[in-house]
Protein backbone atom coordinates (compact mmCIF):
# COMPACT_ATOMS: atom_id res chain seq x y z
CA MET A 1 80.31 115.77 76.97
CA SER A 2 81.75 113.75 79.83
CA ASN A 3 80.90 116.44 82.38
CA LEU A 4 77.33 116.51 81.09
CA ASP A 5 77.07 112.72 81.32
CA ASN A 6 78.42 112.82 84.88
CA SER A 7 75.97 115.56 85.87
CA ILE A 8 73.00 113.70 84.41
CA GLY A 9 74.12 110.49 86.08
CA LYS A 10 74.40 112.24 89.45
CA LEU A 11 70.96 113.80 89.05
CA LEU A 12 69.45 110.42 88.21
CA LEU A 13 71.11 108.75 91.21
CA ASP A 14 69.86 111.53 93.50
CA LEU A 15 66.37 111.20 92.06
CA GLN A 16 66.45 107.43 92.54
CA LYS A 17 67.40 107.88 96.22
CA ASN A 18 65.11 110.80 97.04
CA ASP A 19 62.04 110.03 94.93
CA PRO A 20 62.03 106.42 93.72
CA GLY A 21 58.47 106.68 92.37
CA THR A 22 59.33 109.57 90.07
CA PHE A 23 62.55 107.85 89.03
CA LYS A 24 60.65 104.68 88.13
CA GLU A 25 58.09 106.65 86.10
CA LEU A 26 60.84 108.61 84.32
CA MET A 27 62.70 105.42 83.39
CA ARG A 28 59.46 103.80 82.17
CA ARG A 29 58.75 106.77 79.91
CA VAL A 30 62.30 106.83 78.57
CA GLN A 31 62.13 103.12 77.80
CA GLU A 32 58.81 103.58 75.97
CA GLU A 33 60.01 106.58 73.96
CA HIS A 34 63.57 105.35 73.29
CA PRO A 35 63.65 101.54 73.49
CA GLU A 36 66.88 101.47 71.48
CA LEU A 37 68.70 102.75 74.57
CA PHE A 38 67.78 99.57 76.39
CA GLU A 39 68.48 97.04 73.66
CA GLU A 40 70.98 94.41 74.58
CA ASN A 41 71.84 93.55 70.99
CA ILE A 42 73.22 96.95 70.01
CA ASP A 43 76.52 95.36 68.98
CA GLU A 44 74.67 93.10 66.55
CA SER A 45 72.80 96.09 65.12
CA ASN A 46 76.08 97.96 64.70
CA LYS A 47 77.57 94.98 62.85
CA GLU A 48 74.61 94.96 60.48
CA ILE A 49 74.96 98.70 59.87
CA ASP A 50 78.70 98.33 59.27
CA GLU A 51 78.06 95.52 56.78
CA TYR A 52 75.44 97.60 54.97
CA ASN A 53 77.82 100.57 54.81
CA ARG A 54 80.56 98.32 53.44
CA ILE A 55 78.26 97.09 50.67
CA VAL A 56 77.22 100.65 49.82
CA ASP A 57 80.88 101.74 49.72
CA GLU A 58 81.75 98.88 47.36
CA TYR A 59 78.82 99.78 45.12
CA ASN A 60 79.84 103.44 45.07
CA LYS A 61 83.42 102.48 44.26
CA LYS A 62 82.24 100.42 41.28
CA ILE A 63 80.10 103.33 40.04
CA ASP A 64 83.05 105.73 40.37
CA GLU A 65 85.31 103.38 38.38
CA LYS A 66 82.98 103.40 35.35
């Protein structure tokens, strides 16, 4: 996956240099279609998901014990 990430990153950098208008439009569309990629509070969301999973695991453990 790392090689793919590097290739995509290089393509995006080349596009930004060679065709900044297209790059800007591409980034705008990505942000509209996948805003979660641009969220700054992803760590907070992950903490909430982890807490929810912990609660579900505890519940399942109680059910299994019965």
